[in-house]
Amino acid sequence: MRLVFAGTPEFAVHTLSSLLKSEHTICAVYTQPDRPAGRGRKLNTSPVKQIALEHNIPVEQPLNFKKQATREILTSYQADIMIVVAYGLLLPQSVLDTPKHGCINIHASLLPRWRGAAPIQRAILAGDNETGVCIMQMEAGLDTGPVLAKATCSISNTDTTQQLHDRLAILGALTLITTLSNFTEYQENALAQNDSDSNYASKLEKAEATIDWEQPASTLLRQINAFNPWPIAQTQWQDKTLRIWAAIDLNTPNKASPGSVINADKTGVDIACGEGTLRITQIQAPGKRAMAVSDFLNANSLSVGDHLG
């Protein structure tokens, strides 16, 4: 089939790479406009654009699809399907109707469980034991379209957003290729979503990253895992902001006040929580890289009796 691919971040790269190896033709790639990034504010091209340029695929980067000329360009590619993976732009009905078989999306949750921008993070934060990917026929609503195919993936209590992101990116690509191999049948048997089972996976805010030690250790571990690699869970120690990259729920009770350091050695820094004890194993001081707690303690005087938060 003739495909138009729309995606922007790293999550979409694996799918585009898999499609390039398939029997299908990628006639154009749509991605977000180049934007300034970093200290030098140099224009940054998306990971998807970089792959497209390497394969000499036409790249389109509209701000939106409000102009008729922009929609006419899409029409000119005469696509059978538009594949959308973390594109970052809402598509109007006129765009959804342009390809012969419409637009389909790879969504990183078991719809309708998490609809919205941050399904991976919200699944971890909520303590879900399972997530996955859905191949969804797109419609005007936010992630509300019928599901053509899905594949599941377990979530362990050690999984970070980055680790789960990487597994789901691979799983999404595999599921899409299978779906495209017999697309008409999958489309005819698509299942409508039950709106009453849906939750909104809102974008993460930096303010959510601040740790409240009154919370149970299990809740704080999910927060640390969900916010890795961004924005990274953080807490205060003396006049410093410490970023916590990794931790372990020790599943042990304690009688110390929440936020108190009850042990500090090369195995980790143990912090009393509202319920249970959390062991910090990887930490980052201001202006420093993330490091093992043993290295941090060699250069800092964090000790038993100190208080975080």
C-alpha atoms as a PDB file:
ATOM      1  CA  MET A   1       0.000   0.000   0.000  1.00  0.00           C
ATOM      2  CA  ARG A   2       0.903   3.645  -0.361  1.00  0.00           C
ATOM      3  CA  LEU A   3       1.430   5.116   3.102  1.00  0.00           C
ATOM      4  CA  VAL A   4       1.894   8.575   4.551  1.00  0.00           C
ATOM      5  CA  PHE A   5       3.664   8.448   7.910  1.00  0.00           C
ATOM      6  CA  ALA A   6       3.105  11.100  10.592  1.00  0.00           C
ATOM      7  CA  GLY A   7       5.273  11.067  13.704  1.00  0.00           C
ATOM      8  CA  THR A   8       7.822  13.113  15.598  1.00  0.00           C
ATOM      9  CA  PRO A   9       9.706  11.656  18.609  1.00  0.00           C
ATOM     10  CA  GLU A  10      11.918   8.620  19.126  1.00  0.00           C
ATOM     11  CA  PHE A  11       8.882   6.448  19.900  1.00  0.00           C
ATOM     12  CA  ALA A  12       7.813   6.740  16.250  1.00  0.00           C
ATOM     13  CA  VAL A  13      11.222   5.887  14.780  1.00  0.00           C
ATOM     14  CA  HIS A  14      10.990   2.124  15.233  1.00  0.00           C
ATOM     15  CA  THR A  15       7.672   2.019  13.385  1.00  0.00           C
ATOM     16  CA  LEU A  16       8.965   4.110  10.490  1.00  0.00           C
ATOM     17  CA  SER A  17      12.096   1.955  10.241  1.00  0.00           C
ATOM     18  CA  SER A  18       9.974  -1.203  10.199  1.00  0.00           C
ATOM     19  CA  LEU A  19       7.718   0.198   7.469  1.00  0.00           C
ATOM     20  CA  LEU A  20      10.752   1.079   5.371  1.00  0.00           C
ATOM     21  CA  LYS A  21      11.738  -2.599   5.458  1.00  0.00           C
ATOM     22  CA  SER A  22       8.241  -3.770   4.519  1.00  0.00           C
ATOM     23  CA  GLU A  23       6.596  -4.189   1.121  1.00  0.00           C
ATOM     24  CA  HIS A  24       4.698  -0.921   1.560  1.00  0.00           C
ATOM     25  CA  THR A  25       5.683   2.428   0.042  1.00  0.00           C
ATOM     26  CA  ILE A  26       6.228   5.485   2.253  1.00  0.00           C
ATOM     27  CA  CYS A  27       5.339   8.331  -0.084  1.00  0.00           C
ATOM     28  CA  ALA A  28       5.748  11.136   2.475  1.00  0.00           C
ATOM     29  CA  VAL A  29       6.587  11.784   6.112  1.00  0.00           C
ATOM     30  CA  TYR A  30       4.820  14.416   8.224  1.00  0.00           C
ATOM     31  CA  THR A  31       6.532  15.645  11.378  1.00  0.00           C
ATOM     32  CA  GLN A  32       6.549  18.643  13.696  1.00  0.00           C
ATOM     33  CA  PRO A  33       8.339  21.812  12.467  1.00  0.00           C
ATOM     34  CA  ASP A  34      11.992  22.236  13.452  1.00  0.00           C
ATOM     35  CA  ARG A  35      12.217  24.136  16.719  1.00  0.00           C
ATOM     36  CA  PRO A  36      15.078  25.732  18.694  1.00  0.00           C
ATOM     37  CA  ALA A  37      16.462  23.568  21.485  1.00  0.00           C
ATOM     38  CA  GLY A  38      19.395  23.446  23.870  1.00  0.00           C
ATOM     39  CA  ARG A  39      21.577  26.229  25.184  1.00  0.00           C
ATOM     40  CA  GLY A  40      22.518  27.432  21.723  1.00  0.00           C
ATOM     41  CA  ARG A  41      18.854  27.439  20.654  1.00  0.00           C
ATOM     42  CA  LYS A  42      19.787  25.795  17.373  1.00  0.00           C
ATOM     43  CA  LEU A  43      16.979  24.429  15.226  1.00  0.00           C
ATOM     44  CA  ASN A  44      16.393  20.824  16.163  1.00  0.00           C
ATOM     45  CA  THR A  45      15.063  18.301  13.633  1.00  0.00           C
ATOM     46  CA  SER A  46      12.850  15.509  14.929  1.00  0.00           C
ATOM     47  CA  PRO A  47      14.159  11.906  15.048  1.00  0.00           C
ATOM     48  CA  VAL A  48      11.514  10.968  12.474  1.00  0.00           C
ATOM     49  CA  LYS A  49      12.663  13.691  10.070  1.00  0.00           C
ATOM     50  CA  GLN A  50      16.236  12.484  10.329  1.00  0.00           C
ATOM     51  CA  ILE A  51      15.223   8.968   9.259  1.00  0.00           C
ATOM     52  CA  ALA A  52      13.104  10.323   6.402  1.00  0.00           C
ATOM     53  CA  LEU A  53      15.948  12.450   5.053  1.00  0.00           C
ATOM     54  CA  GLU A  54      18.340   9.496   5.216  1.00  0.00           C
ATOM     55  CA  HIS A  55      15.961   7.582   2.933  1.00  0.00           C
ATOM     56  CA  ASN A  56      15.174  10.509   0.616  1.00  0.00           C
ATOM     57  CA  ILE A  57      11.505  10.576   1.571  1.00  0.00           C
ATOM     58  CA  PRO A  58       9.618  13.879   1.092  1.00  0.00           C
ATOM     59  CA  VAL A  59       9.129  15.634   4.450  1.00  0.00           C
ATOM     60  CA  GLU A  60       6.167  17.886   5.250  1.00  0.00           C
ATOM     61  CA  GLN A  61       6.148  20.045   8.406  1.00  0.00           C
ATOM     62  CA  PRO A  62       2.937  22.088   8.540  1.00  0.00           C
ATOM     63  CA  LEU A  63       2.030  24.028  11.671  1.00  0.00           C
ATOM     64  CA  ASN A  64      -1.521  22.754  11.206  1.00  0.00           C
ATOM     65  CA  PHE A  65      -3.938  21.709   8.464  1.00  0.00           C
ATOM     66  CA  LYS A  66      -6.114  24.815   8.385  1.00  0.00           C
ATOM     67  CA  LYS A  67      -4.923  26.002   4.960  1.00  0.00           C
ATOM     68  CA  GLN A  68      -6.447  24.415   1.898  1.00  0.00           C
ATOM     69  CA  ALA A  69      -3.037  24.328   0.202  1.00  0.00           C
ATOM     70  CA  THR A  70      -1.689  22.175   3.067  1.00  0.00           C
ATOM     71  CA  ARG A  71      -4.573  19.734   2.714  1.00  0.00           C
ATOM     72  CA  GLU A  72      -4.118  19.612  -1.057  1.00  0.00           C
ATOM     73  CA  ILE A  73      -0.492  18.571  -0.629  1.00  0.00           C
ATOM     74  CA  LEU A  74      -1.619  15.652   1.528  1.00  0.00           C
ATOM     75  CA  THR A  75      -4.231  14.709  -1.073  1.00  0.00           C
ATOM     76  CA  SER A  76      -1.601  14.737  -3.813  1.00  0.00           C
ATOM     77  CA  TYR A  77       0.247  11.810  -2.226  1.00  0.00           C
ATOM     78  CA  GLN A  78      -2.790   9.579  -2.914  1.00  0.00           C
ATOM     79  CA  ALA A  79      -2.190   7.491   0.201  1.00  0.00           C
ATOM     80  CA  ASP A  80      -4.122   4.356   1.036  1.00  0.00           C
ATOM     81  CA  ILE A  81      -3.536   4.929   4.758  1.00  0.00           C
ATOM     82  CA  MET A  82      -1.941   7.580   6.962  1.00  0.00           C
ATOM     83  CA  ILE A  83      -0.009   6.008   9.850  1.00  0.00           C
ATOM     84  CA  VAL A  84       0.110   8.310  12.893  1.00  0.00           C
ATOM     85  CA  VAL A  85       2.545   7.655  15.764  1.00  0.00           C
ATOM     86  CA  ALA A  86       3.044  10.367  18.400  1.00  0.00           C
ATOM     87  CA  TYR A  87       2.732  13.088  15.776  1.00  0.00           C
ATOM     88  CA  GLY A  88       1.785  15.810  18.252  1.00  0.00           C
ATOM     89  CA  LEU A  89      -0.815  17.508  16.066  1.00  0.00           C
ATOM     90  CA  LEU A  90      -4.594  17.118  16.175  1.00  0.00           C
ATOM     91  CA  LEU A  91      -5.935  16.057  12.793  1.00  0.00           C
ATOM     92  CA  PRO A  92      -9.221  17.573  11.581  1.00  0.00           C
ATOM     93  CA  GLN A  93     -11.882  15.413   9.987  1.00  0.00           C
ATOM     94  CA  SER A  94     -10.867  16.651   6.536  1.00  0.00           C
ATOM     95  CA  VAL A  95      -7.431  15.090   7.024  1.00  0.00           C
ATOM     96  CA  LEU A  96      -8.795  11.889   8.566  1.00  0.00           C
ATOM     97  CA  ASP A  97     -10.952  11.449   5.457  1.00  0.00           C
ATOM     98  CA  THR A  98      -8.186  12.106   2.923  1.00  0.00           C
ATOM     99  CA  PRO A  99      -6.460   8.675   2.665  1.00  0.00           C
ATOM    100  CA  LYS A 100      -8.439   5.904   0.992  1.00  0.00           C
ATOM    101  CA  HIS A 101      -8.721   3.876   4.224  1.00  0.00           C
ATOM    102  CA  GLY A 102      -8.425   6.789   6.634  1.00  0.00           C
ATOM    103  CA  CYS A 103      -5.823   7.310   9.354  1.00  0.00           C
ATOM    104  CA  ILE A 104      -4.684   4.759  11.917  1.00  0.00           C
ATOM    105  CA  ASN A 105      -2.752   5.420  15.094  1.00  0.00           C
ATOM    106  CA  ILE A 106      -0.417   3.415  17.307  1.00  0.00           C
ATOM    107  CA  HIS A 107      -1.395   4.310  20.865  1.00  0.00           C
ATOM    108  CA  ALA A 108       0.764   3.222  23.823  1.00  0.00           C
ATOM    109  CA  SER A 109      -1.982   1.893  26.092  1.00  0.00           C
ATOM    110  CA  LEU A 110      -4.735  -0.695  26.130  1.00  0.00           C
ATOM    111  CA  LEU A 111      -7.524   1.613  25.062  1.00  0.00           C
ATOM    112  CA  PRO A 112      -9.673   2.942  26.503  1.00  0.00           C
ATOM    113  CA  ARG A 113      -7.622   2.647  29.731  1.00  0.00           C
ATOM    114  CA  TRP A 114      -5.443   5.735  29.063  1.00  0.00           C
ATOM    115  CA  ARG A 115      -6.342   8.302  26.427  1.00  0.00           C
ATOM    116  CA  GLY A 116      -4.147  11.348  25.951  1.00  0.00           C
ATOM    117  CA  ALA A 117      -0.545  12.478  25.824  1.00  0.00           C
ATOM    118  CA  ALA A 118       1.178  10.479  28.587  1.00  0.00           C
ATOM    119  CA  PRO A 119      -0.277   6.954  28.702  1.00  0.00           C
ATOM    120  CA  ILE A 120       3.011   5.258  29.632  1.00  0.00           C
ATOM    121  CA  GLN A 121       3.712   7.519  32.607  1.00  0.00           C
ATOM    122  CA  ARG A 122       0.125   7.443  33.840  1.00  0.00           C
ATOM    123  CA  ALA A 123       0.016   3.648  33.694  1.00  0.00           C
ATOM    124  CA  ILE A 124       3.109   3.414  35.903  1.00  0.00           C
ATOM    125  CA  LEU A 125       1.844   6.092  38.308  1.00  0.00           C
ATOM    126  CA  ALA A 126      -1.472   4.296  38.688  1.00  0.00           C
ATOM    127  CA  GLY A 127       0.220   1.019  39.518  1.00  0.00           C
ATOM    128  CA  ASP A 128      -1.113  -0.820  36.469  1.00  0.00           C
ATOM    129  CA  ASN A 129       0.316  -4.335  36.116  1.00  0.00           C
ATOM    130  CA  GLU A 130      -0.235  -4.399  32.376  1.00  0.00           C
ATOM    131  CA  THR A 131      -0.251  -2.064  29.427  1.00  0.00           C
ATOM    132  CA  GLY A 132       0.280  -2.458  25.701  1.00  0.00           C
ATOM    133  CA  VAL A 133      -0.365  -0.920  22.299  1.00  0.00           C
ATOM    134  CA  CYS A 134      -3.504  -0.475  20.238  1.00  0.00           C
ATOM    135  CA  ILE A 135      -3.846   0.055  16.522  1.00  0.00           C
ATOM    136  CA  MET A 136      -6.764   2.471  16.363  1.00  0.00           C
ATOM    137  CA  GLN A 137      -8.814   3.847  13.488  1.00  0.00           C
ATOM    138  CA  MET A 138      -8.663   7.588  14.095  1.00  0.00           C
ATOM    139  CA  GLU A 139     -11.723   9.777  14.452  1.00  0.00           C
ATOM    140  CA  ALA A 140     -12.265  13.352  15.606  1.00  0.00           C
ATOM    141  CA  GLY A 141     -12.349  12.503  19.342  1.00  0.00           C
ATOM    142  CA  LEU A 142      -9.199  12.132  21.463  1.00  0.00           C
ATOM    143  CA  ASP A 143      -8.106   8.485  21.095  1.00  0.00           C
ATOM    144  CA  THR A 144     -11.742   7.381  20.852  1.00  0.00           C
ATOM    145  CA  GLY A 145     -11.719   5.444  17.580  1.00  0.00           C
ATOM    146  CA  PRO A 146     -12.382   1.713  17.159  1.00  0.00           C
ATOM    147  CA  VAL A 147      -9.475  -0.644  17.889  1.00  0.00           C
ATOM    148  CA  LEU A 148      -8.256  -2.826  15.031  1.00  0.00           C
ATOM    149  CA  ALA A 149      -5.615  -4.756  16.982  1.00  0.00           C
ATOM    150  CA  LYS A 150      -3.833  -4.743  20.319  1.00  0.00           C
ATOM    151  CA  ALA A 151      -0.872  -6.372  22.041  1.00  0.00           C
ATOM    152  CA  THR A 152      -0.166  -6.518  25.769  1.00  0.00           C
ATOM    153  CA  CYS A 153       2.956  -5.896  27.830  1.00  0.00           C
ATOM    154  CA  SER A 154       3.466  -6.442  31.578  1.00  0.00           C
ATOM    155  CA  ILE A 155       4.695  -3.678  33.901  1.00  0.00           C
ATOM    156  CA  SER A 156       7.071  -4.637  36.716  1.00  0.00           C
ATOM    157  CA  ASN A 157       7.820  -2.518  39.787  1.00  0.00           C
ATOM    158  CA  THR A 158      11.278  -1.800  38.362  1.00  0.00           C
ATOM    159  CA  ASP A 159      10.104  -0.521  34.964  1.00  0.00           C
ATOM    160  CA  THR A 160      10.855   3.129  34.229  1.00  0.00           C
ATOM    161  CA  THR A 161       9.034   5.132  31.584  1.00  0.00           C
ATOM    162  CA  GLN A 162      12.115   4.886  29.346  1.00  0.00           C
ATOM    163  CA  GLN A 163      12.269   1.087  29.598  1.00  0.00           C
ATOM    164  CA  LEU A 164       8.549   0.651  28.989  1.00  0.00           C
ATOM    165  CA  HIS A 165       8.673   3.229  26.164  1.00  0.00           C
ATOM    166  CA  ASP A 166      11.361   1.219  24.371  1.00  0.00           C
ATOM    167  CA  ARG A 167       9.472  -2.075  24.668  1.00  0.00           C
ATOM    168  CA  LEU A 168       6.192  -0.549  23.509  1.00  0.00           C
ATOM    169  CA  ALA A 169       7.858   1.127  20.521  1.00  0.00           C
ATOM    170  CA  ILE A 170       9.003  -2.291  19.290  1.00  0.00           C
ATOM    171  CA  LEU A 171       5.674  -3.931  20.127  1.00  0.00           C
ATOM    172  CA  GLY A 172       3.750  -1.187  18.322  1.00  0.00           C
ATOM    173  CA  ALA A 173       5.764  -1.601  15.140  1.00  0.00           C
ATOM    174  CA  LEU A 174       5.325  -5.386  15.127  1.00  0.00           C
ATOM    175  CA  THR A 175       1.585  -5.102  15.735  1.00  0.00           C
ATOM    176  CA  LEU A 176       1.178  -2.516  12.976  1.00  0.00           C
ATOM    177  CA  ILE A 177       3.013  -4.621  10.380  1.00  0.00           C
ATOM    178  CA  THR A 178       0.776  -7.588  11.235  1.00  0.00           C
ATOM    179  CA  THR A 179      -2.322  -5.402  10.963  1.00  0.00           C
ATOM    180  CA  LEU A 180      -1.326  -4.014   7.574  1.00  0.00           C
ATOM    181  CA  SER A 181      -0.742  -7.520   6.202  1.00  0.00           C
ATOM    182  CA  ASN A 182      -4.495  -8.137   6.295  1.00  0.00           C
ATOM    183  CA  PHE A 183      -5.799  -4.639   6.811  1.00  0.00           C
ATOM    184  CA  THR A 184      -9.298  -5.009   5.350  1.00  0.00           C
ATOM    185  CA  GLU A 185     -10.150  -7.856   7.727  1.00  0.00           C
ATOM    186  CA  TYR A 186      -8.783  -6.013  10.761  1.00  0.00           C
ATOM    187  CA  GLN A 187     -10.705  -2.884   9.787  1.00  0.00           C
ATOM    188  CA  GLU A 188     -13.955  -4.775   9.300  1.00  0.00           C
ATOM    189  CA  ASN A 189     -13.608  -6.408  12.743  1.00  0.00           C
ATOM    190  CA  ALA A 190     -12.540  -3.302  14.671  1.00  0.00           C
ATOM    191  CA  LEU A 191     -14.029  -3.031  18.162  1.00  0.00           C
ATOM    192  CA  ALA A 192     -15.640   0.134  19.500  1.00  0.00           C
ATOM    193  CA  GLN A 193     -14.267   1.479  22.789  1.00  0.00           C
ATOM    194  CA  ASN A 194     -16.283   1.713  25.993  1.00  0.00           C
ATOM    195  CA  ASP A 195     -16.023   5.374  26.961  1.00  0.00           C
ATOM    196  CA  SER A 196     -16.981   4.653  30.581  1.00  0.00           C
ATOM    197  CA  ASP A 197     -13.700   2.730  31.059  1.00  0.00           C
ATOM    198  CA  SER A 198     -11.482   5.579  29.873  1.00  0.00           C
ATOM    199  CA  ASN A 199      -9.061   7.750  31.838  1.00  0.00           C
ATOM    200  CA  TYR A 200      -7.333  10.921  30.677  1.00  0.00           C
ATOM    201  CA  ALA A 201      -3.522  10.637  30.559  1.00  0.00           C
ATOM    202  CA  SER A 202      -2.616  14.311  30.889  1.00  0.00           C
ATOM    203  CA  LYS A 203       0.863  15.597  30.085  1.00  0.00           C
ATOM    204  CA  LEU A 204       3.361  15.514  32.938  1.00  0.00           C
ATOM    205  CA  GLU A 205       4.079  18.746  34.780  1.00  0.00           C
ATOM    206  CA  LYS A 206       7.380  19.474  36.529  1.00  0.00           C
ATOM    207  CA  ALA A 207       5.501  20.264  39.734  1.00  0.00           C
ATOM    208  CA  GLU A 208       4.389  16.610  39.908  1.00  0.00           C
ATOM    209  CA  ALA A 209       8.007  15.521  40.318  1.00  0.00           C
ATOM    210  CA  THR A 210       8.366  16.835  43.888  1.00  0.00           C
ATOM    211  CA  ILE A 211       8.325  13.945  46.359  1.00  0.00           C
ATOM    212  CA  ASP A 212       5.970  14.014  49.314  1.00  0.00           C
ATOM    213  CA  TRP A 213       7.512  11.656  51.885  1.00  0.00           C
ATOM    214  CA  GLU A 214       4.145  11.366  53.652  1.00  0.00           C
ATOM    215  CA  GLN A 215       3.098   9.076  50.790  1.00  0.00           C
ATOM    216  CA  PRO A 216       3.616   5.278  50.931  1.00  0.00           C
ATOM    217  CA  ALA A 217       6.944   3.941  49.645  1.00  0.00           C
ATOM    218  CA  SER A 218       5.123   2.006  46.906  1.00  0.00           C
ATOM    219  CA  THR A 219       3.520   5.211  45.595  1.00  0.00           C
ATOM    220  CA  LEU A 220       6.840   7.071  45.638  1.00  0.00           C
ATOM    221  CA  LEU A 221       8.595   4.262  43.771  1.00  0.00           C
ATOM    222  CA  ARG A 222       6.000   4.511  41.000  1.00  0.00           C
ATOM    223  CA  GLN A 223       6.552   8.274  40.890  1.00  0.00           C
ATOM    224  CA  ILE A 224      10.330   7.833  40.559  1.00  0.00           C
ATOM    225  CA  ASN A 225       9.916   5.216  37.821  1.00  0.00           C
ATOM    226  CA  ALA A 226       7.273   7.198  35.918  1.00  0.00           C
ATOM    227  CA  PHE A 227       9.341  10.416  35.887  1.00  0.00           C
ATOM    228  CA  ASN A 228      12.494   8.749  34.552  1.00  0.00           C
ATOM    229  CA  PRO A 229      13.781  10.089  32.128  1.00  0.00           C
ATOM    230  CA  TRP A 230      11.709  13.299  32.571  1.00  0.00           C
ATOM    231  CA  PRO A 231      11.243  15.356  34.660  1.00  0.00           C
ATOM    232  CA  ILE A 232      12.980  13.147  37.310  1.00  0.00           C
ATOM    233  CA  ALA A 233      11.568  12.929  40.827  1.00  0.00           C
ATOM    234  CA  GLN A 234      13.178  15.392  43.237  1.00  0.00           C
ATOM    235  CA  THR A 235      13.452  16.284  46.892  1.00  0.00           C
ATOM    236  CA  GLN A 236      15.183  18.887  49.057  1.00  0.00           C
ATOM    237  CA  TRP A 237      18.177  18.220  51.308  1.00  0.00           C
ATOM    238  CA  GLN A 238      19.501  21.186  53.239  1.00  0.00           C
ATOM    239  CA  ASP A 239      19.583  23.896  50.542  1.00  0.00           C
ATOM    240  CA  LYS A 240      20.036  21.481  47.632  1.00  0.00           C
ATOM    241  CA  THR A 241      17.600  19.886  45.202  1.00  0.00           C
ATOM    242  CA  LEU A 242      18.382  16.203  44.780  1.00  0.00           C
ATOM    243  CA  ARG A 243      17.036  14.321  41.779  1.00  0.00           C
ATOM    244  CA  ILE A 244      16.231  10.672  42.388  1.00  0.00           C
ATOM    245  CA  TRP A 245      16.713   8.393  39.377  1.00  0.00           C
ATOM    246  CA  ALA A 246      16.238   4.966  40.933  1.00  0.00           C
ATOM    247  CA  ALA A 247      14.999   3.436  44.168  1.00  0.00           C
ATOM    248  CA  ILE A 248      13.718   0.232  45.781  1.00  0.00           C
ATOM    249  CA  ASP A 249      10.665  -0.294  47.968  1.00  0.00           C
ATOM    250  CA  LEU A 250      12.065  -2.262  50.910  1.00  0.00           C
ATOM    251  CA  ASN A 251       8.598  -3.349  52.074  1.00  0.00           C
ATOM    252  CA  THR A 252       9.673  -2.798  55.689  1.00  0.00           C
ATOM    253  CA  PRO A 253       7.818  -0.751  58.326  1.00  0.00           C
ATOM    254  CA  ASN A 254       9.475   2.032  60.316  1.00  0.00           C
ATOM    255  CA  LYS A 255       8.552   4.415  63.128  1.00  0.00           C
ATOM    256  CA  ALA A 256      10.641   7.398  61.979  1.00  0.00           C
ATOM    257  CA  SER A 257       9.042  10.597  60.727  1.00  0.00           C
ATOM    258  CA  PRO A 258       8.488  10.682  56.950  1.00  0.00           C
ATOM    259  CA  GLY A 259      11.540  12.034  55.116  1.00  0.00           C
ATOM    260  CA  SER A 260      14.009  10.920  57.784  1.00  0.00           C
ATOM    261  CA  VAL A 261      17.224   9.194  56.712  1.00  0.00           C
ATOM    262  CA  ILE A 262      17.327   5.921  58.672  1.00  0.00           C
ATOM    263  CA  ASN A 263      20.315   4.348  56.923  1.00  0.00           C
ATOM    264  CA  ALA A 264      23.020   5.555  54.531  1.00  0.00           C
ATOM    265  CA  ASP A 265      25.728   3.295  53.143  1.00  0.00           C
ATOM    266  CA  LYS A 266      27.010   1.964  49.829  1.00  0.00           C
ATOM    267  CA  THR A 267      23.840  -0.111  49.327  1.00  0.00           C
ATOM    268  CA  GLY A 268      21.651   2.998  49.342  1.00  0.00           C
ATOM    269  CA  VAL A 269      20.015   5.730  51.373  1.00  0.00           C
ATOM    270  CA  ASP A 270      16.931   4.495  53.228  1.00  0.00           C
ATOM    271  CA  ILE A 271      14.174   7.054  53.784  1.00  0.00           C
ATOM    272  CA  ALA A 272      11.184   6.694  56.065  1.00  0.00           C
ATOM    273  CA  CYS A 273       7.905   7.190  54.197  1.00  0.00           C
ATOM    274  CA  GLY A 274       4.322   7.669  55.331  1.00  0.00           C
ATOM    275  CA  GLU A 275       4.116   3.908  54.982  1.00  0.00           C
ATOM    276  CA  GLY A 276       7.197   1.732  54.555  1.00  0.00           C
ATOM    277  CA  THR A 277      10.786   2.536  53.614  1.00  0.00           C
ATOM    278  CA  LEU A 278      12.286   3.613  50.293  1.00  0.00           C
ATOM    279  CA  ARG A 279      15.925   2.941  49.419  1.00  0.00           C
ATOM    280  CA  ILE A 280      17.453   5.458  47.013  1.00  0.00           C
ATOM    281  CA  THR A 281      20.050   3.776  44.789  1.00  0.00           C
ATOM    282  CA  GLN A 282      20.804   6.405  42.133  1.00  0.00           C
ATOM    283  CA  ILE A 283      20.856  10.130  42.820  1.00  0.00           C
ATOM    284  CA  GLN A 284      21.921  13.416  41.228  1.00  0.00           C
ATOM    285  CA  ALA A 285      23.217  16.523  42.990  1.00  0.00           C
ATOM    286  CA  PRO A 286      22.897  20.002  41.428  1.00  0.00           C
ATOM    287  CA  GLY A 287      25.352  20.470  38.565  1.00  0.00           C
ATOM    288  CA  LYS A 288      26.416  16.818  38.681  1.00  0.00           C
ATOM    289  CA  ARG A 289      25.575  13.712  36.704  1.00  0.00           C
ATOM    290  CA  ALA A 290      23.357  10.960  38.052  1.00  0.00           C
ATOM    291  CA  MET A 291      25.434   8.522  40.108  1.00  0.00           C
ATOM    292  CA  ALA A 292      25.251   5.517  42.380  1.00  0.00           C
ATOM    293  CA  VAL A 293      24.540   6.416  46.000  1.00  0.00           C
ATOM    294  CA  SER A 294      27.942   5.040  47.044  1.00  0.00           C
ATOM    295  CA  ASP A 295      29.657   7.655  44.841  1.00  0.00           C
ATOM    296  CA  PHE A 296      27.340  10.390  46.099  1.00  0.00           C
ATOM    297  CA  LEU A 297      28.106   9.578  49.748  1.00  0.00           C
ATOM    298  CA  ASN A 298      31.833   9.762  49.074  1.00  0.00           C
ATOM    299  CA  ALA A 299      31.440  13.442  48.209  1.00  0.00           C
ATOM    300  CA  ASN A 300      28.510  14.443  50.437  1.00  0.00           C
ATOM    301  CA  SER A 301      27.729  14.246  54.146  1.00  0.00           C
ATOM    302  CA  LEU A 302      24.177  12.900  53.892  1.00  0.00           C
ATOM    303  CA  SER A 303      23.773  10.710  56.979  1.00  0.00           C
ATOM    304  CA  VAL A 304      21.365   9.038  59.410  1.00  0.00           C
ATOM    305  CA  GLY A 305      19.210  11.618  61.155  1.00  0.00           C
ATOM    306  CA  ASP A 306      19.093  14.018  58.185  1.00  0.00           C
ATOM    307  CA  HIS A 307      15.722  14.936  56.756  1.00  0.00           C
ATOM    308  CA  LEU A 308      14.621  15.163  53.108  1.00  0.00           C
ATOM    309  CA  GLY A 309      11.813  17.277  51.759  1.00  0.00           C
END
